[in-house]
C-alpha atoms as a PDB file:
ATOM      1  CA  MET A   1      14.953  26.307 -48.738  1.00  0.00           C
ATOM      2  CA  ALA A   2      11.647  26.951 -46.984  1.00  0.00           C
ATOM      3  CA  GLY A   3      10.522  30.002 -45.039  1.00  0.00           C
ATOM      4  CA  GLY A   4      12.737  32.915 -43.951  1.00  0.00           C
ATOM      5  CA  TRP A   5      14.945  34.019 -41.110  1.00  0.00           C
ATOM      6  CA  THR A   6      13.277  34.221 -37.688  1.00  0.00           C
ATOM      7  CA  PHE A   7      14.652  36.403 -34.889  1.00  0.00           C
ATOM      8  CA  ARG A   8      12.802  36.536 -31.548  1.00  0.00           C
ATOM      9  CA  PRO A   9      14.179  38.601 -28.640  1.00  0.00           C
ATOM     10  CA  GLU A  10      12.783  38.456 -25.085  1.00  0.00           C
ATOM     11  CA  ILE A  11      13.767  40.806 -22.260  1.00  0.00           C
ATOM     12  CA  ALA A  12      12.311  40.734 -18.736  1.00  0.00           C
ATOM     13  CA  LEU A  13      12.873  42.176 -15.273  1.00  0.00           C
ATOM     14  CA  ARG A  14      11.755  39.888 -12.467  1.00  0.00           C
ATOM     15  CA  ASP A  15      11.404  40.337  -8.727  1.00  0.00           C
ATOM     16  CA  THR A  16      10.495  37.569  -6.264  1.00  0.00           C
ATOM     17  CA  PHE A  17       9.884  38.130  -2.557  1.00  0.00           C
ATOM     18  CA  TYR A  18      10.406  35.253  -0.100  1.00  0.00           C
ATOM     19  CA  THR A  19       9.288  35.367   3.529  1.00  0.00           C
ATOM     20  CA  GLN A  20      11.890  32.706   4.457  1.00  0.00           C
ATOM     21  CA  GLN A  21      15.431  31.856   3.429  1.00  0.00           C
ATOM     22  CA  LEU A  22      18.067  29.175   3.973  1.00  0.00           C
ATOM     23  CA  THR A  23      20.809  29.526   6.554  1.00  0.00           C
ATOM     24  CA  PRO A  24      23.958  30.137   4.458  1.00  0.00           C
ATOM     25  CA  ALA A  25      26.354  28.235   6.757  1.00  0.00           C
ATOM     26  CA  ALA A  26      24.603  24.844   6.740  1.00  0.00           C
ATOM     27  CA  VAL A  27      25.542  22.109   4.245  1.00  0.00           C
ATOM     28  CA  ILE A  28      21.946  21.389   3.272  1.00  0.00           C
ATOM     29  CA  GLY A  29      20.413  24.435   4.900  1.00  0.00           C
ATOM     30  CA  SER A  30      17.428  24.959   7.135  1.00  0.00           C
ATOM     31  CA  PRO A  31      14.709  27.587   6.623  1.00  0.00           C
ATOM     32  CA  ILE A  32      14.560  30.604   8.878  1.00  0.00           C
ATOM     33  CA  THR A  33      11.925  33.326   9.002  1.00  0.00           C
ATOM     34  CA  ASN A  34      13.873  36.138   7.461  1.00  0.00           C
ATOM     35  CA  ALA A  35      12.587  37.845   4.314  1.00  0.00           C
ATOM     36  CA  ILE A  36      14.707  37.873   1.185  1.00  0.00           C
ATOM     37  CA  ASN A  37      14.274  39.526  -2.192  1.00  0.00           C
ATOM     38  CA  ARG A  38      15.490  38.128  -5.526  1.00  0.00           C
ATOM     39  CA  ARG A  39      15.840  40.364  -8.576  1.00  0.00           C
ATOM     40  CA  SER A  40      17.018  39.377 -12.026  1.00  0.00           C
ATOM     41  CA  PHE A  41      17.467  40.709 -15.534  1.00  0.00           C
ATOM     42  CA  ASP A  42      16.698  38.130 -18.226  1.00  0.00           C
ATOM     43  CA  ALA A  43      17.369  38.355 -21.928  1.00  0.00           C
ATOM     44  CA  SER A  44      17.178  35.732 -24.645  1.00  0.00           C
ATOM     45  CA  PHE A  45      17.580  35.867 -28.396  1.00  0.00           C
ATOM     46  CA  GLU A  46      16.430  33.064 -30.661  1.00  0.00           C
ATOM     47  CA  LEU A  47      17.639  32.851 -34.246  1.00  0.00           C
ATOM     48  CA  ARG A  48      16.234  30.347 -36.732  1.00  0.00           C
ATOM     49  CA  PRO A  49      17.607  30.292 -40.291  1.00  0.00           C
ATOM     50  CA  PRO A  50      15.386  29.101 -43.153  1.00  0.00           C
ATOM     51  CA  ALA A  51      14.701  25.387 -43.071  1.00  0.00           C
ATOM     52  CA  ALA A  52      16.254  23.331 -45.860  1.00  0.00           C
ATOM     53  CA  ALA A  53      13.903  20.748 -47.358  1.00  0.00           C
ATOM     54  CA  ARG A  54      14.040  18.098 -50.035  1.00  0.00           C
ATOM     55  CA  ILE A  55      11.279  16.013 -51.597  1.00  0.00           C
ATOM     56  CA  PHE A  56      12.533  12.672 -52.875  1.00  0.00           C
ATOM     57  CA  ALA A  57      11.429  12.118 -56.453  1.00  0.00           C
ATOM     58  CA  ARG A  58      11.325   8.334 -56.242  1.00  0.00           C
ATOM     59  CA  PRO A  59       8.654   6.900 -53.879  1.00  0.00           C
ATOM     60  CA  ARG A  60       9.623   4.327 -51.278  1.00  0.00           C
ATOM     61  CA  PHE A  61       7.148   1.536 -50.422  1.00  0.00           C
ATOM     62  CA  HIS A  62       4.284   3.578 -51.940  1.00  0.00           C
ATOM     63  CA  TYR A  63       5.199   6.661 -49.884  1.00  0.00           C
ATOM     64  CA  ARG A  64       6.361  10.065 -51.072  1.00  0.00           C
ATOM     65  CA  LEU A  65       9.092  11.244 -48.656  1.00  0.00           C
ATOM     66  CA  LYS A  66      10.174  14.732 -47.635  1.00  0.00           C
ATOM     67  CA  HIS A  67      13.123  15.640 -45.397  1.00  0.00           C
ATOM     68  CA  SER A  68      13.553  18.987 -43.630  1.00  0.00           C
ATOM     69  CA  PHE A  69      16.626  20.339 -41.823  1.00  0.00           C
ATOM     70  CA  GLU A  70      15.894  23.067 -39.229  1.00  0.00           C
ATOM     71  CA  PRO A  71      18.890  24.685 -37.417  1.00  0.00           C
ATOM     72  CA  ARG A  72      18.537  27.085 -34.486  1.00  0.00           C
ATOM     73  CA  ALA A  73      20.581  29.111 -31.994  1.00  0.00           C
ATOM     74  CA  ILE A  74      19.304  30.506 -28.679  1.00  0.00           C
ATOM     75  CA  TYR A  75      21.290  32.855 -26.449  1.00  0.00           C
ATOM     76  CA  HIS A  76      20.400  33.177 -22.726  1.00  0.00           C
ATOM     77  CA  TYR A  77      21.621  35.845 -20.347  1.00  0.00           C
ATOM     78  CA  THR A  78      20.523  36.238 -16.697  1.00  0.00           C
ATOM     79  CA  ARG A  79      22.109  38.524 -14.116  1.00  0.00           C
ATOM     80  CA  GLY A  80      21.319  39.848 -10.640  1.00  0.00           C
ATOM     81  CA  ILE A  81      20.805  36.654  -8.602  1.00  0.00           C
ATOM     82  CA  GLU A  82      23.518  37.098  -5.981  1.00  0.00           C
ATOM     83  CA  ASN A  83      21.694  35.242  -3.182  1.00  0.00           C
ATOM     84  CA  PHE A  84      21.105  31.854  -4.871  1.00  0.00           C
ATOM     85  CA  PRO A  85      22.450  29.751  -1.897  1.00  0.00           C
ATOM     86  CA  ARG A  86      19.863  31.337   0.390  1.00  0.00           C
ATOM     87  CA  ILE A  87      16.821  30.644  -1.806  1.00  0.00           C
ATOM     88  CA  ILE A  88      14.614  27.762  -0.615  1.00  0.00           C
ATOM     89  CA  ARG A  89      14.250  25.221  -3.426  1.00  0.00           C
ATOM     90  CA  PHE A  90      10.539  24.408  -3.712  1.00  0.00           C
ATOM     91  CA  ASP A  91       9.786  24.250  -7.445  1.00  0.00           C
ATOM     92  CA  GLU A  92      11.263  25.177 -10.826  1.00  0.00           C
ATOM     93  CA  ARG A  93      10.978  28.919 -10.092  1.00  0.00           C
ATOM     94  CA  ASP A  94      13.562  28.640  -7.312  1.00  0.00           C
ATOM     95  CA  ILE A  95      16.436  27.189  -9.365  1.00  0.00           C
ATOM     96  CA  VAL A  96      16.886  30.281 -11.560  1.00  0.00           C
ATOM     97  CA  SER A  97      20.541  31.334 -11.478  1.00  0.00           C
ATOM     98  CA  ASP A  98      22.845  33.708 -13.289  1.00  0.00           C
ATOM     99  CA  THR A  99      23.794  32.308 -16.671  1.00  0.00           C
ATOM    100  CA  ASN A 100      25.421  33.282 -19.935  1.00  0.00           C
ATOM    101  CA  ASP A 101      25.039  30.485 -22.464  1.00  0.00           C
ATOM    102  CA  LEU A 102      24.386  29.701 -26.092  1.00  0.00           C
ATOM    103  CA  GLU A 103      22.275  26.750 -27.220  1.00  0.00           C
ATOM    104  CA  VAL A 104      22.731  25.390 -30.718  1.00  0.00           C
ATOM    105  CA  GLY A 105      20.784  22.598 -32.286  1.00  0.00           C
ATOM    106  CA  VAL A 106      19.180  21.130 -35.361  1.00  0.00           C
ATOM    107  CA  VAL A 107      15.928  19.264 -35.937  1.00  0.00           C
ATOM    108  CA  ASN A 108      15.557  16.723 -38.731  1.00  0.00           C
ATOM    109  CA  ARG A 109      12.033  15.823 -39.808  1.00  0.00           C
ATOM    110  CA  LEU A 110      10.889  13.138 -42.217  1.00  0.00           C
ATOM    111  CA  TYR A 111       7.390  13.328 -43.701  1.00  0.00           C
ATOM    112  CA  ALA A 112       5.605  10.586 -45.617  1.00  0.00           C
ATOM    113  CA  LYS A 113       2.557  10.857 -47.871  1.00  0.00           C
ATOM    114  CA  PRO A 114       0.854   7.529 -48.682  1.00  0.00           C
ATOM    115  CA  LEU A 115       0.388   6.823 -52.371  1.00  0.00           C
ATOM    116  CA  ALA A 116      -2.020   4.328 -53.842  1.00  0.00           C
ATOM    117  CA  PRO A 117      -0.516   1.967 -56.440  1.00  0.00           C
ATOM    118  CA  GLY A 118      -0.194   3.947 -59.650  1.00  0.00           C
ATOM    119  CA  CYS A 119       0.347   7.363 -58.050  1.00  0.00           C
ATOM    120  CA  GLU A 120       4.067   7.177 -58.689  1.00  0.00           C
ATOM    121  CA  ASP A 121       3.651   6.480 -62.378  1.00  0.00           C
ATOM    122  CA  GLY A 122       3.718  10.167 -63.287  1.00  0.00           C
ATOM    123  CA  PRO A 123       2.749  13.694 -62.258  1.00  0.00           C
ATOM    124  CA  GLU A 124      -0.850  13.218 -63.452  1.00  0.00           C
ATOM    125  CA  PRO A 125      -2.456  10.283 -61.600  1.00  0.00           C
ATOM    126  CA  LYS A 126      -5.538   8.533 -62.884  1.00  0.00           C
ATOM    127  CA  PRO A 127      -8.855  10.209 -61.897  1.00  0.00           C
ATOM    128  CA  ALA A 128      -9.797   7.284 -59.652  1.00  0.00           C
ATOM    129  CA  LEU A 129      -6.547   7.722 -57.716  1.00  0.00           C
ATOM    130  CA  THR A 130      -6.690  11.494 -57.257  1.00  0.00           C
ATOM    131  CA  ARG A 131      -7.967  11.320 -53.678  1.00  0.00           C
ATOM    132  CA  GLN A 132      -5.433   8.702 -52.563  1.00  0.00           C
ATOM    133  CA  CYS A 133      -2.569  10.577 -54.230  1.00  0.00           C
ATOM    134  CA  ALA A 134      -3.494  13.841 -52.498  1.00  0.00           C
ATOM    135  CA  GLU A 135      -3.581  12.576 -48.904  1.00  0.00           C
ATOM    136  CA  THR A 136      -2.009  14.810 -46.241  1.00  0.00           C
ATOM    137  CA  PRO A 137       1.644  14.021 -45.379  1.00  0.00           C
ATOM    138  CA  ARG A 138       2.384  12.729 -41.903  1.00  0.00           C
ATOM    139  CA  GLU A 139       5.516  13.300 -39.826  1.00  0.00           C
ATOM    140  CA  ILE A 140       6.977   9.856 -39.195  1.00  0.00           C
ATOM    141  CA  LEU A 141      10.397  10.751 -37.781  1.00  0.00           C
ATOM    142  CA  THR A 142      11.828  13.608 -35.718  1.00  0.00           C
ATOM    143  CA  TRP A 143      15.473  13.698 -34.676  1.00  0.00           C
ATOM    144  CA  GLU A 144      16.795  16.604 -32.615  1.00  0.00           C
ATOM    145  CA  LEU A 145      20.460  17.229 -31.745  1.00  0.00           C
ATOM    146  CA  GLY A 146      21.638  19.987 -29.423  1.00  0.00           C
ATOM    147  CA  GLN A 147      24.364  21.274 -27.133  1.00  0.00           C
ATOM    148  CA  LYS A 148      24.987  24.276 -24.886  1.00  0.00           C
ATOM    149  CA  VAL A 149      28.081  26.442 -24.473  1.00  0.00           C
ATOM    150  CA  PHE A 150      28.445  28.070 -21.020  1.00  0.00           C
ATOM    151  CA  PHE A 151      30.373  31.341 -21.036  1.00  0.00           C
ATOM    152  CA  ASP A 152      29.767  31.750 -17.271  1.00  0.00           C
ATOM    153  CA  ARG A 153      31.203  28.457 -16.002  1.00  0.00           C
ATOM    154  CA  ASP A 154      30.255  28.887 -12.317  1.00  0.00           C
ATOM    155  CA  PHE A 155      26.824  30.459 -12.969  1.00  0.00           C
ATOM    156  CA  GLY A 156      27.504  33.622 -11.043  1.00  0.00           C
ATOM    157  CA  GLY A 157      28.934  31.703  -8.073  1.00  0.00           C
ATOM    158  CA  ALA A 158      25.853  29.490  -7.649  1.00  0.00           C
ATOM    159  CA  LEU A 159      27.674  26.292  -8.673  1.00  0.00           C
ATOM    160  CA  VAL A 160      28.974  24.188  -5.762  1.00  0.00           C
ATOM    161  CA  PRO A 161      31.845  21.866  -6.867  1.00  0.00           C
ATOM    162  CA  GLY A 162      31.482  18.204  -5.909  1.00  0.00           C
ATOM    163  CA  ARG A 163      27.691  18.295  -5.771  1.00  0.00           C
ATOM    164  CA  ARG A 164      24.983  17.840  -8.362  1.00  0.00           C
ATOM    165  CA  ASN A 165      23.794  21.316  -9.273  1.00  0.00           C
ATOM    166  CA  VAL A 166      20.397  21.855 -10.884  1.00  0.00           C
ATOM    167  CA  PHE A 167      19.689  25.204 -12.538  1.00  0.00           C
ATOM    168  CA  THR A 168      16.937  26.319 -14.873  1.00  0.00           C
ATOM    169  CA  SER A 169      19.353  26.703 -17.777  1.00  0.00           C
ATOM    170  CA  THR A 170      20.465  23.060 -17.462  1.00  0.00           C
ATOM    171  CA  ALA A 171      17.195  21.394 -16.387  1.00  0.00           C
ATOM    172  CA  ASP A 172      15.257  22.874 -19.309  1.00  0.00           C
ATOM    173  CA  PHE A 173      17.902  21.610 -21.712  1.00  0.00           C
ATOM    174  CA  SER A 174      18.732  18.085 -20.592  1.00  0.00           C
ATOM    175  CA  GLY A 175      16.647  17.114 -17.574  1.00  0.00           C
ATOM    176  CA  ILE A 176      19.701  15.244 -16.201  1.00  0.00           C
ATOM    177  CA  ALA A 177      21.880  16.782 -13.467  1.00  0.00           C
ATOM    178  CA  PHE A 178      25.327  16.879 -15.079  1.00  0.00           C
ATOM    179  CA  LEU A 179      26.910  19.895 -13.337  1.00  0.00           C
ATOM    180  CA  THR A 180      29.372  18.852 -10.632  1.00  0.00           C
ATOM    181  CA  ASP A 181      32.161  21.257 -11.536  1.00  0.00           C
ATOM    182  CA  PRO A 182      32.640  24.296 -13.801  1.00  0.00           C
ATOM    183  CA  ARG A 183      32.442  23.305 -17.441  1.00  0.00           C
ATOM    184  CA  ARG A 184      32.297  24.918 -20.852  1.00  0.00           C
ATOM    185  CA  LEU A 185      30.171  22.418 -22.792  1.00  0.00           C
ATOM    186  CA  SER A 186      27.036  20.530 -21.856  1.00  0.00           C
ATOM    187  CA  PRO A 187      26.432  16.924 -22.911  1.00  0.00           C
ATOM    188  CA  VAL A 188      25.191  16.441 -26.465  1.00  0.00           C
ATOM    189  CA  ILE A 189      21.502  15.553 -26.431  1.00  0.00           C
ATOM    190  CA  SER A 190      19.736  13.398 -28.993  1.00  0.00           C
ATOM    191  CA  ARG A 191      15.922  13.142 -29.096  1.00  0.00           C
ATOM    192  CA  LEU A 192      14.519  10.628 -31.574  1.00  0.00           C
ATOM    193  CA  ARG A 193      10.771  10.150 -32.209  1.00  0.00           C
ATOM    194  CA  LEU A 194       9.632   7.506 -34.697  1.00  0.00           C
ATOM    195  CA  ARG A 195       5.992   6.876 -35.618  1.00  0.00           C
ATOM    196  CA  PRO A 196       5.894   4.583 -38.684  1.00  0.00           C
ATOM    197  CA  ASN A 197       2.101   4.163 -38.458  1.00  0.00           C
ATOM    198  CA  LEU A 198      -0.840   5.186 -36.285  1.00  0.00           C
ATOM    199  CA  ARG A 199      -0.561   2.076 -34.099  1.00  0.00           C
ATOM    200  CA  SER A 200       3.079   2.145 -33.007  1.00  0.00           C
ATOM    201  CA  SER A 201       5.737   4.596 -31.874  1.00  0.00           C
ATOM    202  CA  LEU A 202       9.327   4.642 -30.639  1.00  0.00           C
ATOM    203  CA  GLN A 203      11.093   7.240 -28.481  1.00  0.00           C
ATOM    204  CA  TRP A 204      14.819   7.316 -27.698  1.00  0.00           C
ATOM    205  CA  ASP A 205      16.445  10.028 -25.589  1.00  0.00           C
ATOM    206  CA  LEU A 206      20.236   9.935 -25.345  1.00  0.00           C
ATOM    207  CA  ASP A 207      22.713  12.246 -23.563  1.00  0.00           C
ATOM    208  CA  TYR A 208      26.426  11.869 -24.319  1.00  0.00           C
ATOM    209  CA  ASP A 209      28.912  13.663 -22.057  1.00  0.00           C
ATOM    210  CA  MET A 210      31.929  14.630 -24.174  1.00  0.00           C
ATOM    211  CA  LYS A 211      33.896  15.846 -21.154  1.00  0.00           C
ATOM    212  CA  LYS A 212      33.731  12.459 -19.420  1.00  0.00           C
ATOM    213  CA  GLY A 213      33.594  10.413 -22.610  1.00  0.00           C
ATOM    214  CA  ARG A 214      30.530   8.345 -21.747  1.00  0.00           C
ATOM    215  CA  ILE A 215      26.781   8.043 -22.143  1.00  0.00           C
ATOM    216  CA  SER A 216      25.222   9.809 -19.175  1.00  0.00           C
ATOM    217  CA  SER A 217      21.639   8.745 -19.903  1.00  0.00           C
ATOM    218  CA  SER A 218      19.697   6.647 -22.381  1.00  0.00           C
ATOM    219  CA  SER A 219      15.957   6.072 -22.339  1.00  0.00           C
ATOM    220  CA  VAL A 220      14.106   4.122 -25.030  1.00  0.00           C
ATOM    221  CA  PHE A 221      10.403   3.235 -25.056  1.00  0.00           C
ATOM    222  CA  ALA A 222       8.199   1.592 -27.690  1.00  0.00           C
ATOM    223  CA  ASP A 223       4.449   1.041 -27.655  1.00  0.00           C
ATOM    224  CA  TYR A 224       1.837  -0.603 -29.859  1.00  0.00           C
ATOM    225  CA  HIS A 225      -1.966  -0.310 -30.076  1.00  0.00           C
ATOM    226  CA  VAL A 226      -4.366  -3.106 -31.001  1.00  0.00           C
ATOM    227  CA  LYS A 227      -7.837  -1.546 -31.121  1.00  0.00           C
ATOM    228  CA  ASP A 228      -8.528  -0.441 -27.506  1.00  0.00           C
ATOM    229  CA  ILE A 229      -5.574  -2.290 -25.977  1.00  0.00           C
ATOM    230  CA  PHE A 230      -2.102  -0.778 -25.826  1.00  0.00           C
ATOM    231  CA  PHE A 231       1.136  -2.121 -24.413  1.00  0.00           C
ATOM    232  CA  GLY A 232       4.726  -0.987 -24.321  1.00  0.00           C
ATOM    233  CA  ALA A 233       8.210  -1.704 -23.033  1.00  0.00           C
ATOM    234  CA  GLY A 234      11.263   0.414 -22.380  1.00  0.00           C
ATOM    235  CA  HIS A 235      14.739   0.565 -20.926  1.00  0.00           C
ATOM    236  CA  THR A 236      16.406   3.397 -18.991  1.00  0.00           C
ATOM    237  CA  TYR A 237      20.117   3.718 -18.257  1.00  0.00           C
ATOM    238  CA  LEU A 238      21.472   6.570 -16.158  1.00  0.00           C
ATOM    239  CA  VAL A 239      24.928   7.433 -14.821  1.00  0.00           C
ATOM    240  CA  THR A 240      25.034  10.051 -12.066  1.00  0.00           C
ATOM    241  CA  PRO A 241      27.903  11.542 -10.087  1.00  0.00           C
ATOM    242  CA  GLY A 242      27.759   9.761  -6.724  1.00  0.00           C
ATOM    243  CA  GLU A 243      26.604  11.745  -3.707  1.00  0.00           C
ATOM    244  CA  ILE A 244      26.175  11.192   0.015  1.00  0.00           C
ATOM    245  CA  LEU A 245      22.516  11.719   0.907  1.00  0.00           C
ATOM    246  CA  THR A 246      21.768  12.730   4.477  1.00  0.00           C
ATOM    247  CA  SER A 247      18.380  12.644   6.164  1.00  0.00           C
ATOM    248  CA  ALA A 248      17.199  12.851   9.748  1.00  0.00           C
ATOM    249  CA  LEU A 249      17.426   9.061  10.086  1.00  0.00           C
ATOM    250  CA  THR A 250      20.401   7.904   8.044  1.00  0.00           C
ATOM    251  CA  THR A 251      23.275   8.744   5.741  1.00  0.00           C
ATOM    252  CA  VAL A 252      23.601   6.652   2.591  1.00  0.00           C
ATOM    253  CA  ALA A 253      25.601   6.765  -0.611  1.00  0.00           C
ATOM    254  CA  ALA A 254      23.458   7.462  -3.638  1.00  0.00           C
ATOM    255  CA  PRO A 255      23.780   4.901  -6.439  1.00  0.00           C
ATOM    256  CA  SER A 256      25.818   6.104  -9.396  1.00  0.00           C
ATOM    257  CA  LYS A 257      24.200   3.885 -12.058  1.00  0.00           C
ATOM    258  CA  PHE A 258      20.597   2.979 -12.785  1.00  0.00           C
ATOM    259  CA  ASP A 259      19.561   0.216 -15.179  1.00  0.00           C
ATOM    260  CA  GLN A 260      15.810  -0.280 -15.308  1.00  0.00           C
ATOM    261  CA  PHE A 261      13.232  -1.964 -17.532  1.00  0.00           C
ATOM    262  CA  ARG A 262       9.657  -0.755 -17.765  1.00  0.00           C
ATOM    263  CA  LEU A 263       6.465  -2.510 -18.901  1.00  0.00           C
ATOM    264  CA  LEU A 264       3.109  -0.899 -19.671  1.00  0.00           C
ATOM    265  CA  LEU A 265      -0.331  -2.383 -20.316  1.00  0.00           C
ATOM    266  CA  GLY A 266      -3.535  -0.428 -20.764  1.00  0.00           C
ATOM    267  CA  TYR A 267      -7.031  -0.221 -22.217  1.00  0.00           C
ATOM    268  CA  GLY A 268      -9.005   2.600 -23.835  1.00  0.00           C
ATOM    269  CA  ASN A 269      -8.274   6.164 -24.917  1.00  0.00           C
ATOM    270  CA  PRO A 270      -7.881   8.884 -22.262  1.00  0.00           C
ATOM    271  CA  ASN A 271      -9.363  11.506 -24.631  1.00  0.00           C
ATOM    272  CA  GLN A 272     -12.595   9.629 -25.321  1.00  0.00           C
ATOM    273  CA  ARG A 273     -15.726   9.031 -23.284  1.00  0.00           C
ATOM    274  CA  GLY A 274     -15.769   6.020 -20.990  1.00  0.00           C
ATOM    275  CA  VAL A 275     -13.258   4.026 -19.008  1.00  0.00           C
ATOM    276  CA  THR A 276      -9.494   4.001 -19.525  1.00  0.00           C
ATOM    277  CA  ALA A 277      -7.022   2.127 -17.323  1.00  0.00           C
ATOM    278  CA  ALA A 278      -3.335   1.262 -17.392  1.00  0.00           C
ATOM    279  CA  SER A 279      -0.605  -0.183 -15.187  1.00  0.00           C
ATOM    280  CA  THR A 280       3.152   0.089 -15.356  1.00  0.00           C
ATOM    281  CA  VAL A 281       6.020  -1.509 -13.486  1.00  0.00           C
ATOM    282  CA  GLY A 282       9.737  -0.738 -13.291  1.00  0.00           C
ATOM    283  CA  PHE A 283      12.303  -3.460 -12.597  1.00  0.00           C
ATOM    284  CA  ASP A 284      15.843  -2.525 -11.563  1.00  0.00           C
ATOM    285  CA  VAL A 285      18.414  -4.902 -13.048  1.00  0.00           C
ATOM    286  CA  ARG A 286      21.265  -3.982 -10.688  1.00  0.00           C
ATOM    287  CA  SER A 287      19.198  -4.298  -7.517  1.00  0.00           C
ATOM    288  CA  ASN A 288      17.144  -7.214  -8.886  1.00  0.00           C
ATOM    289  CA  PHE A 289      13.772  -6.032  -7.562  1.00  0.00           C
ATOM    290  CA  ILE A 290      10.739  -3.970  -8.547  1.00  0.00           C
ATOM    291  CA  GLN A 291      11.386  -0.331  -7.657  1.00  0.00           C
ATOM    292  CA  TYR A 292       8.289   1.243  -9.101  1.00  0.00           C
ATOM    293  CA  ALA A 293       4.697   0.275  -9.874  1.00  0.00           C
ATOM    294  CA  ALA A 294       1.640   2.380 -10.689  1.00  0.00           C
ATOM    295  CA  SER A 295      -1.962   1.901 -11.755  1.00  0.00           C
ATOM    296  CA  GLN A 296      -4.177   4.627 -13.167  1.00  0.00           C
ATOM    297  CA  ALA A 297      -7.867   4.707 -14.144  1.00  0.00           C
ATOM    298  CA  THR A 298      -9.910   7.417 -15.856  1.00  0.00           C
ATOM    299  CA  TYR A 299     -13.605   7.878 -16.545  1.00  0.00           C
ATOM    300  CA  ASN A 300     -14.720  10.619 -18.922  1.00  0.00           C
ATOM    301  CA  TRP A 301     -18.154  12.133 -19.406  1.00  0.00           C
ATOM    302  CA  ASP A 302     -19.083  14.688 -22.072  1.00  0.00           C
ATOM    303  CA  CYS A 303     -18.361  17.567 -19.703  1.00  0.00           C
ATOM    304  CA  CYS A 304     -15.646  16.315 -17.397  1.00  0.00           C
ATOM    305  CA  GLY A 305     -13.470  13.445 -16.284  1.00  0.00           C
ATOM    306  CA  VAL A 306     -11.975  11.895 -13.144  1.00  0.00           C
ATOM    307  CA  THR A 307      -8.578  10.202 -12.874  1.00  0.00           C
ATOM    308  CA  VAL A 308      -7.204   8.286  -9.886  1.00  0.00           C
ATOM    309  CA  GLU A 309      -3.763   6.766  -9.486  1.00  0.00           C
ATOM    310  CA  TYR A 310      -1.973   4.491  -7.035  1.00  0.00           C
ATOM    311  CA  ARG A 311       1.822   4.503  -7.028  1.00  0.00           C
ATOM    312  CA  ARG A 312       4.289   2.358  -5.098  1.00  0.00           C
ATOM    313  CA  LEU A 313       7.939   3.419  -4.681  1.00  0.00           C
ATOM    314  CA  ALA A 314      10.478   0.997  -3.211  1.00  0.00           C
ATOM    315  CA  LEU A 315      13.916   2.634  -3.196  1.00  0.00           C
ATOM    316  CA  GLY A 316      15.283   1.135  -0.007  1.00  0.00           C
ATOM    317  CA  ALA A 317      16.534   3.581   2.594  1.00  0.00           C
ATOM    318  CA  LEU A 318      16.119   6.526   0.219  1.00  0.00           C
ATOM    319  CA  ARG A 319      12.386   6.249  -0.333  1.00  0.00           C
ATOM    320  CA  ASN A 320       9.733   3.666   0.488  1.00  0.00           C
ATOM    321  CA  GLU A 321       6.133   4.827   0.238  1.00  0.00           C
ATOM    322  CA  ASN A 322       2.657   4.505  -1.248  1.00  0.00           C
ATOM    323  CA  GLN A 323       1.042   7.426  -3.079  1.00  0.00           C
ATOM    324  CA  PHE A 324      -2.589   8.114  -3.990  1.00  0.00           C
ATOM    325  CA  ARG A 325      -3.318  10.915  -6.453  1.00  0.00           C
ATOM    326  CA  PHE A 326      -6.324  12.233  -8.340  1.00  0.00           C
ATOM    327  CA  ALA A 327      -7.245  14.764 -11.018  1.00  0.00           C
ATOM    328  CA  PHE A 328     -10.567  16.302 -12.032  1.00  0.00           C
ATOM    329  CA  THR A 329     -10.856  17.721 -15.538  1.00  0.00           C
ATOM    330  CA  LEU A 330     -13.457  20.184 -16.831  1.00  0.00           C
ATOM    331  CA  ALA A 331     -13.821  20.448 -20.602  1.00  0.00           C
ATOM    332  CA  ASN A 332     -12.441  23.724 -21.982  1.00  0.00           C
ATOM    333  CA  VAL A 333     -11.531  24.881 -18.443  1.00  0.00           C
ATOM    334  CA  GLY A 334      -8.624  22.930 -16.974  1.00  0.00           C
ATOM    335  CA  THR A 335      -7.464  20.153 -14.659  1.00  0.00           C
ATOM    336  CA  PHE A 336      -7.413  20.272 -10.862  1.00  0.00           C
ATOM    337  CA  GLY A 337      -5.886  17.851  -8.362  1.00  0.00           C
ATOM    338  CA  THR A 338      -2.637  16.301  -7.184  1.00  0.00           C
ATOM    339  CA  LEU A 339      -1.863  14.287 -10.329  1.00  0.00           C
ATOM    340  CA  LYS A 340       0.284  16.316 -12.728  1.00  0.00           C
ATOM    341  CA  ARG A 341       0.278  15.685 -16.463  1.00  0.00           C
ATOM    342  CA  GLN A 342       3.980  14.718 -16.606  1.00  0.00           C
ATOM    343  CA  GLU A 343       3.460  12.157 -13.824  1.00  0.00           C
ATOM    344  CA  ARG A 344       0.639  10.240 -15.469  1.00  0.00           C
ATOM    345  CA  VAL A 345       1.009   6.632 -16.585  1.00  0.00           C
ATOM    346  CA  TYR A 346      -0.433   7.426 -20.028  1.00  0.00           C
END
């Protein structure tokens, strides 16, 4: 066992004032100039037992291995949001709803310390090997499993059956809209990160819906670096509850399954001085055409850096547009512009 018990409570009272609200009778809703106030009481309690760890006595491929097992439980409670249908959804602050849920999970970590030949011969290595035998361990694998239990199945009346509902308590956990009806358990999430060496990495995110007995999303991506050149490939599979999307021009049925491959090719390091550039493309297998393409370039000086990006979206009647974005970064200050960190190519 390593470490001790950790208990972290958080309690907050929040008040948000909106100058506009949604008309409650409309299906989608339209904004009207009528002020509305949103108050909430938030409480969360995080409990982390001591991590269990084991160091394997026998080296593997000249590596000393260590495995750690880190369980956790987080309880969320939010009350007071009785006007959720009338709140205009603009960003993540506007999807806060009443909730009463418990998140449980465990994180497995695997560390590896490189050993020079001869280090594994005994506890006292030869003097010439002391430095190689004492190198810092590196985390090569992280595997996280988690699930949520919802004690308030309709989220204080905010849940609308038959539609995809997105709330803070679900978006922060999975990132996939899985709420279409009241439910007790969320999908089981699996987050796997593998970095066997400093040149390559593998990420695999998987959500399994036990209620529907199927994989709701799977996203895997691998990349490799050769000096200043890096390239990668990935596959994304997503199953969504079908919806009818209505706009001012048309009404179309949203696709229920997505099956897309992604390719990435780039040059340079975005954290170093000089030029860095990369391009990515997404090909949809079911529709048999390129849905997404983006190119991004960055130039860094000692004090600052500039990033520009061009993005092309081709989603048929749902979305068909070109986007130009930029970001200006000042060292030790921050980043300004229209290009967010989570939207960058690299």
